[in-house]
């Protein structure tokens, strides 16, 4: 059985934080879950509000259309939040 070697370098402890994603982040994970649940609730409210504007929500086509609309809105909001929809500003 090979012996274990301990790796050390002058900069390894300074960069150790980069590996934090490998361990349980505890509070950060809990916060992400809370944000995700809240976002799901908001999308549900959006869905319900938009469903009132459809003539016949028992129609599978209407349901599919509303589902697609909600997914597109969520992705558009995410893209805007991530900054991918910003226009490039050219400074002379």
C-alpha atoms as a PDB file:
ATOM      1  CA  UNK A   1       0.000   0.000   0.000  1.00  0.00           C
ATOM      2  CA  UNK A   2       1.476   3.358  -0.976  1.00  0.00           C
ATOM      3  CA  UNK A   3       2.328   5.736   1.827  1.00  0.00           C
ATOM      4  CA  UNK A   4       0.469   9.007   2.083  1.00  0.00           C
ATOM      5  CA  UNK A   5       2.296  12.173   1.323  1.00  0.00           C
ATOM      6  CA  UNK A   6       1.408  15.539   2.690  1.00  0.00           C
ATOM      7  CA  UNK A   7       1.412  18.282   0.096  1.00  0.00           C
ATOM      8  CA  UNK A   8       2.536  21.672   1.180  1.00  0.00           C
ATOM      9  CA  UNK A   9       3.616  24.788  -0.553  1.00  0.00           C
ATOM     10  CA  UNK A  10       4.055  28.362   0.575  1.00  0.00           C
ATOM     11  CA  UNK A  11       0.834  29.365  -1.184  1.00  0.00           C
ATOM     12  CA  UNK A  12      -1.361  26.318  -0.563  1.00  0.00           C
ATOM     13  CA  UNK A  13      -3.013  27.662   2.604  1.00  0.00           C
ATOM     14  CA  UNK A  14      -3.592  31.040   0.982  1.00  0.00           C
ATOM     15  CA  UNK A  15      -5.528  29.366  -1.842  1.00  0.00           C
ATOM     16  CA  UNK A  16      -7.293  26.717   0.210  1.00  0.00           C
ATOM     17  CA  UNK A  17     -10.539  28.712   0.163  1.00  0.00           C
ATOM     18  CA  UNK A  18     -10.906  27.776  -3.508  1.00  0.00           C
ATOM     19  CA  UNK A  19     -11.731  24.222  -2.460  1.00  0.00           C
ATOM     20  CA  UNK A  20     -14.550  25.208  -0.092  1.00  0.00           C
ATOM     21  CA  UNK A  21     -17.127  24.124  -2.670  1.00  0.00           C
ATOM     22  CA  UNK A  22     -16.076  20.527  -1.968  1.00  0.00           C
ATOM     23  CA  UNK A  23     -17.262  20.619   1.628  1.00  0.00           C
ATOM     24  CA  UNK A  24     -20.666  21.293   3.134  1.00  0.00           C
ATOM     25  CA  UNK A  25     -21.087  25.028   3.129  1.00  0.00           C
ATOM     26  CA  UNK A  26     -23.797  24.830   5.802  1.00  0.00           C
ATOM     27  CA  UNK A  27     -25.267  28.310   6.083  1.00  0.00           C
ATOM     28  CA  UNK A  28     -24.596  29.182   2.448  1.00  0.00           C
ATOM     29  CA  UNK A  29     -26.460  26.076   1.284  1.00  0.00           C
ATOM     30  CA  UNK A  30     -29.372  26.864   3.597  1.00  0.00           C
ATOM     31  CA  UNK A  31     -29.526  30.446   2.271  1.00  0.00           C
ATOM     32  CA  UNK A  32     -29.541  29.180  -1.331  1.00  0.00           C
ATOM     33  CA  UNK A  33     -32.402  26.815  -0.497  1.00  0.00           C
ATOM     34  CA  UNK A  34     -34.424  29.627   1.071  1.00  0.00           C
ATOM     35  CA  UNK A  35     -33.848  31.869  -1.945  1.00  0.00           C
ATOM     36  CA  UNK A  36     -34.792  29.038  -4.302  1.00  0.00           C
ATOM     37  CA  UNK A  37     -38.010  28.308  -2.417  1.00  0.00           C
ATOM     38  CA  UNK A  38     -38.934  31.999  -2.382  1.00  0.00           C
ATOM     39  CA  UNK A  39     -38.242  32.274  -6.115  1.00  0.00           C
ATOM     40  CA  UNK A  40     -40.453  29.242  -6.759  1.00  0.00           C
ATOM     41  CA  UNK A  41     -43.258  30.858  -4.788  1.00  0.00           C
ATOM     42  CA  UNK A  42     -42.932  34.053  -6.828  1.00  0.00           C
ATOM     43  CA  UNK A  43     -43.028  32.132 -10.103  1.00  0.00           C
ATOM     44  CA  UNK A  44     -46.120  30.324  -8.836  1.00  0.00           C
ATOM     45  CA  UNK A  45     -47.815  33.652  -8.118  1.00  0.00           C
ATOM     46  CA  UNK A  46     -46.820  34.906 -11.562  1.00  0.00           C
ATOM     47  CA  UNK A  47     -48.252  31.746 -13.130  1.00  0.00           C
ATOM     48  CA  UNK A  48     -51.543  32.143 -11.255  1.00  0.00           C
ATOM     49  CA  UNK A  49     -51.856  35.809 -12.227  1.00  0.00           C
ATOM     50  CA  UNK A  50     -51.185  35.070 -15.898  1.00  0.00           C
ATOM     51  CA  UNK A  51     -53.523  32.049 -15.876  1.00  0.00           C
ATOM     52  CA  UNK A  52     -56.430  34.396 -15.121  1.00  0.00           C
ATOM     53  CA  UNK A  53     -55.824  36.082 -18.478  1.00  0.00           C
ATOM     54  CA  UNK A  54     -56.226  32.864 -20.476  1.00  0.00           C
ATOM     55  CA  UNK A  55     -59.689  31.974 -21.769  1.00  0.00           C
ATOM     56  CA  UNK A  56     -59.640  28.247 -21.055  1.00  0.00           C
ATOM     57  CA  UNK A  57     -56.950  26.881 -18.739  1.00  0.00           C
ATOM     58  CA  UNK A  58     -58.438  23.402 -19.051  1.00  0.00           C
ATOM     59  CA  UNK A  59     -57.190  23.379 -22.656  1.00  0.00           C
ATOM     60  CA  UNK A  60     -53.804  21.563 -22.839  1.00  0.00           C
ATOM     61  CA  UNK A  61     -52.602  24.064 -25.458  1.00  0.00           C
ATOM     62  CA  UNK A  62     -53.271  26.977 -23.078  1.00  0.00           C
ATOM     63  CA  UNK A  63     -51.459  25.184 -20.252  1.00  0.00           C
ATOM     64  CA  UNK A  64     -48.454  24.479 -22.469  1.00  0.00           C
ATOM     65  CA  UNK A  65     -48.380  28.072 -23.724  1.00  0.00           C
ATOM     66  CA  UNK A  66     -48.460  29.458 -20.196  1.00  0.00           C
ATOM     67  CA  UNK A  67     -45.735  27.048 -19.053  1.00  0.00           C
ATOM     68  CA  UNK A  68     -43.510  28.132 -21.939  1.00  0.00           C
ATOM     69  CA  UNK A  69     -44.175  31.804 -21.197  1.00  0.00           C
ATOM     70  CA  UNK A  70     -43.258  31.391 -17.529  1.00  0.00           C
ATOM     71  CA  UNK A  71     -40.059  29.517 -18.335  1.00  0.00           C
ATOM     72  CA  UNK A  72     -39.050  32.196 -20.837  1.00  0.00           C
ATOM     73  CA  UNK A  73     -39.744  34.954 -18.332  1.00  0.00           C
ATOM     74  CA  UNK A  74     -37.664  33.223 -15.664  1.00  0.00           C
ATOM     75  CA  UNK A  75     -34.750  32.783 -18.077  1.00  0.00           C
ATOM     76  CA  UNK A  76     -35.037  36.397 -19.238  1.00  0.00           C
ATOM     77  CA  UNK A  77     -34.996  37.614 -15.629  1.00  0.00           C
ATOM     78  CA  UNK A  78     -31.990  35.417 -14.857  1.00  0.00           C
ATOM     79  CA  UNK A  79     -30.149  36.644 -17.955  1.00  0.00           C
ATOM     80  CA  UNK A  80     -30.863  40.247 -17.015  1.00  0.00           C
ATOM     81  CA  UNK A  81     -29.685  39.649 -13.455  1.00  0.00           C
ATOM     82  CA  UNK A  82     -26.519  37.951 -14.703  1.00  0.00           C
ATOM     83  CA  UNK A  83     -25.797  40.939 -16.928  1.00  0.00           C
ATOM     84  CA  UNK A  84     -26.024  39.134 -20.261  1.00  0.00           C
ATOM     85  CA  UNK A  85     -28.666  41.519 -21.606  1.00  0.00           C
ATOM     86  CA  UNK A  86     -26.716  44.702 -21.038  1.00  0.00           C
ATOM     87  CA  UNK A  87     -25.841  46.646 -24.126  1.00  0.00           C
ATOM     88  CA  UNK A  88     -22.219  47.357 -24.776  1.00  0.00           C
ATOM     89  CA  UNK A  89     -21.467  51.005 -24.190  1.00  0.00           C
ATOM     90  CA  UNK A  90     -18.913  52.513 -26.472  1.00  0.00           C
ATOM     91  CA  UNK A  91     -17.070  55.382 -24.893  1.00  0.00           C
ATOM     92  CA  UNK A  92     -15.459  57.679 -27.472  1.00  0.00           C
END
